Amino acid sequence: MSHEAFKRVFDKSGLTKAELGYIYQVSRQTIYDWVKAESTPKQGGLAARFDVYTKALDAAISKRALPMPNNLTKEVRRQRLLTIATQLHGLAKPTQLR
């Protein structure tokens, strides 16, 4: 996934660094580093999550499901963030074979 796509998500999602950190399961500082292109995930589970989450958030922006409005109460914003994170985390889980 390109840094440009992540930058677009950061710029247009309406989510804070802390909220993106919660979604991507990294620190706010890591989000800051990714925005400044000082680092990006290169391999392993984090790189896979980065790709899946960035593509999904970018698609949500394209479909106008994001940005998250600024005028939401803290509780509504928290609930929406939890919903977004839960859905994205579900996308990144490997398929279980039965």
C-alpha atoms as a PDB file:
ATOM      1  CA  MET A   1       0.000   0.000   0.000  1.00  0.00           C
ATOM      2  CA  SER A   2       1.333   3.398  -0.867  1.00  0.00           C
ATOM      3  CA  HIS A   3       2.180   6.125   1.567  1.00  0.00           C
ATOM      4  CA  GLU A   4      -0.039   8.423  -0.516  1.00  0.00           C
ATOM      5  CA  ALA A   5      -3.105   6.294   0.260  1.00  0.00           C
ATOM      6  CA  PHE A   6      -2.333   6.369   3.978  1.00  0.00           C
ATOM      7  CA  LYS A   7      -1.758  10.132   3.830  1.00  0.00           C
ATOM      8  CA  ARG A   8      -5.142  10.512   2.111  1.00  0.00           C
ATOM      9  CA  VAL A   9      -6.782   8.480   4.892  1.00  0.00           C
ATOM     10  CA  PHE A  10      -5.069  10.642   7.499  1.00  0.00           C
ATOM     11  CA  ASP A  11      -6.037  13.886   5.775  1.00  0.00           C
ATOM     12  CA  LYS A  12      -9.628  13.037   4.819  1.00  0.00           C
ATOM     13  CA  SER A  13     -10.941  10.541   7.387  1.00  0.00           C
ATOM     14  CA  GLY A  14     -11.627  13.077  10.123  1.00  0.00           C
ATOM     15  CA  LEU A  15      -9.874  10.744  12.565  1.00  0.00           C
ATOM     16  CA  THR A  16      -7.195  11.915  14.982  1.00  0.00           C
ATOM     17  CA  LYS A  17      -3.741  10.341  15.285  1.00  0.00           C
ATOM     18  CA  ALA A  18      -4.882   8.673  18.504  1.00  0.00           C
ATOM     19  CA  GLU A  19      -8.010   7.290  16.814  1.00  0.00           C
ATOM     20  CA  LEU A  20      -6.025   5.995  13.851  1.00  0.00           C
ATOM     21  CA  GLY A  21      -3.547   4.470  16.310  1.00  0.00           C
ATOM     22  CA  TYR A  22      -6.431   2.675  18.000  1.00  0.00           C
ATOM     23  CA  ILE A  23      -7.681   1.352  14.666  1.00  0.00           C
ATOM     24  CA  TYR A  24      -4.252   0.274  13.376  1.00  0.00           C
ATOM     25  CA  GLN A  25      -3.265  -1.017  16.837  1.00  0.00           C
ATOM     26  CA  VAL A  26      -0.165   1.162  17.039  1.00  0.00           C
ATOM     27  CA  SER A  27       0.845   4.233  19.021  1.00  0.00           C
ATOM     28  CA  ARG A  28      -0.080   7.792  18.139  1.00  0.00           C
ATOM     29  CA  GLN A  29       3.654   8.382  17.559  1.00  0.00           C
ATOM     30  CA  THR A  30       3.749   5.585  14.986  1.00  0.00           C
ATOM     31  CA  ILE A  31       0.870   7.225  13.120  1.00  0.00           C
ATOM     32  CA  TYR A  32       2.792  10.513  13.222  1.00  0.00           C
ATOM     33  CA  ASP A  33       5.883   8.755  11.782  1.00  0.00           C
ATOM     34  CA  TRP A  34       3.819   7.174   9.007  1.00  0.00           C
ATOM     35  CA  VAL A  35       2.288  10.556   8.124  1.00  0.00           C
ATOM     36  CA  LYS A  36       5.712  12.150   7.955  1.00  0.00           C
ATOM     37  CA  ALA A  37       6.932   9.156   5.891  1.00  0.00           C
ATOM     38  CA  GLU A  38       9.660   8.492   8.442  1.00  0.00           C
ATOM     39  CA  SER A  39       8.616   4.866   8.533  1.00  0.00           C
ATOM     40  CA  THR A  40       5.996   2.499   7.197  1.00  0.00           C
ATOM     41  CA  PRO A  41       5.371  -1.129   8.039  1.00  0.00           C
ATOM     42  CA  LYS A  42       7.569  -3.322   5.858  1.00  0.00           C
ATOM     43  CA  GLN A  43       6.655  -6.915   6.667  1.00  0.00           C
ATOM     44  CA  GLY A  44       4.640  -9.264   8.794  1.00  0.00           C
ATOM     45  CA  GLY A  45       1.266  -8.813  10.413  1.00  0.00           C
ATOM     46  CA  LEU A  46       1.541  -5.056  10.843  1.00  0.00           C
ATOM     47  CA  ALA A  47       2.270  -4.533   7.143  1.00  0.00           C
ATOM     48  CA  ALA A  48      -0.697  -6.731   6.226  1.00  0.00           C
ATOM     49  CA  ARG A  49      -3.009  -4.841   8.622  1.00  0.00           C
ATOM     50  CA  PHE A  50      -1.682  -1.534   7.293  1.00  0.00           C
ATOM     51  CA  ASP A  51      -2.622  -2.534   3.738  1.00  0.00           C
ATOM     52  CA  VAL A  52      -6.071  -3.916   4.604  1.00  0.00           C
ATOM     53  CA  TYR A  53      -7.038  -1.059   6.921  1.00  0.00           C
ATOM     54  CA  THR A  54      -5.736   1.662   4.601  1.00  0.00           C
ATOM     55  CA  LYS A  55      -7.600   0.223   1.601  1.00  0.00           C
ATOM     56  CA  ALA A  56     -10.823  -0.105   3.599  1.00  0.00           C
ATOM     57  CA  LEU A  57     -10.605   3.390   5.104  1.00  0.00           C
ATOM     58  CA  ASP A  58      -9.769   4.867   1.702  1.00  0.00           C
ATOM     59  CA  ALA A  59     -12.818   3.089   0.250  1.00  0.00           C
ATOM     60  CA  ALA A  60     -14.972   4.491   3.085  1.00  0.00           C
ATOM     61  CA  ILE A  61     -13.772   7.975   2.167  1.00  0.00           C
ATOM     62  CA  SER A  62     -14.569   7.353  -1.507  1.00  0.00           C
ATOM     63  CA  LYS A  63     -18.063   6.146  -0.560  1.00  0.00           C
ATOM     64  CA  ARG A  64     -18.502   9.141   1.753  1.00  0.00           C
ATOM     65  CA  ALA A  65     -18.871   7.005   4.877  1.00  0.00           C
ATOM     66  CA  LEU A  66     -15.975   9.083   6.208  1.00  0.00           C
ATOM     67  CA  PRO A  67     -14.997  11.700   7.301  1.00  0.00           C
ATOM     68  CA  MET A  68     -16.407  11.386  10.741  1.00  0.00           C
ATOM     69  CA  PRO A  69     -18.252  14.621  11.590  1.00  0.00           C
ATOM     70  CA  ASN A  70     -16.577  16.892  14.147  1.00  0.00           C
ATOM     71  CA  ASN A  71     -19.847  17.795  15.882  1.00  0.00           C
ATOM     72  CA  LEU A  72     -20.470  14.344  17.390  1.00  0.00           C
ATOM     73  CA  THR A  73     -20.589  13.894  21.127  1.00  0.00           C
ATOM     74  CA  LYS A  74     -17.624  12.075  22.667  1.00  0.00           C
ATOM     75  CA  GLU A  75     -19.766   9.002  23.310  1.00  0.00           C
ATOM     76  CA  VAL A  76     -21.146   8.807  19.753  1.00  0.00           C
ATOM     77  CA  ARG A  77     -17.665   9.358  18.316  1.00  0.00           C
ATOM     78  CA  ARG A  78     -16.277   6.619  20.583  1.00  0.00           C
ATOM     79  CA  GLN A  79     -19.018   4.214  19.500  1.00  0.00           C
ATOM     80  CA  ARG A  80     -18.393   4.927  15.811  1.00  0.00           C
ATOM     81  CA  LEU A  81     -14.661   4.449  16.289  1.00  0.00           C
ATOM     82  CA  LEU A  82     -15.295   1.127  18.023  1.00  0.00           C
ATOM     83  CA  THR A  83     -17.551   0.027  15.144  1.00  0.00           C
ATOM     84  CA  ILE A  84     -14.947   0.999  12.535  1.00  0.00           C
ATOM     85  CA  ALA A  85     -12.159  -0.761  14.436  1.00  0.00           C
ATOM     86  CA  THR A  86     -14.231  -3.922  14.964  1.00  0.00           C
ATOM     87  CA  GLN A  87     -15.145  -4.137  11.287  1.00  0.00           C
ATOM     88  CA  LEU A  88     -11.563  -3.541  10.146  1.00  0.00           C
ATOM     89  CA  HIS A  89     -10.136  -6.032  12.616  1.00  0.00           C
ATOM     90  CA  GLY A  90     -12.585  -8.593  11.254  1.00  0.00           C
ATOM     91  CA  LEU A  91     -11.266  -7.994   7.737  1.00  0.00           C
ATOM     92  CA  ALA A  92      -7.689  -8.640   8.791  1.00  0.00           C
ATOM     93  CA  LYS A  93      -8.311 -11.967  10.552  1.00  0.00           C
ATOM     94  CA  PRO A  94      -7.190 -15.018   8.627  1.00  0.00           C
ATOM     95  CA  THR A  95      -9.972 -17.253   7.407  1.00  0.00           C
ATOM     96  CA  GLN A  96     -10.534 -20.225   9.654  1.00  0.00           C
ATOM     97  CA  LEU A  97     -10.539 -23.589   7.887  1.00  0.00           C
ATOM     98  CA  ARG A  98     -13.098 -26.069   9.194  1.00  0.00           C
END
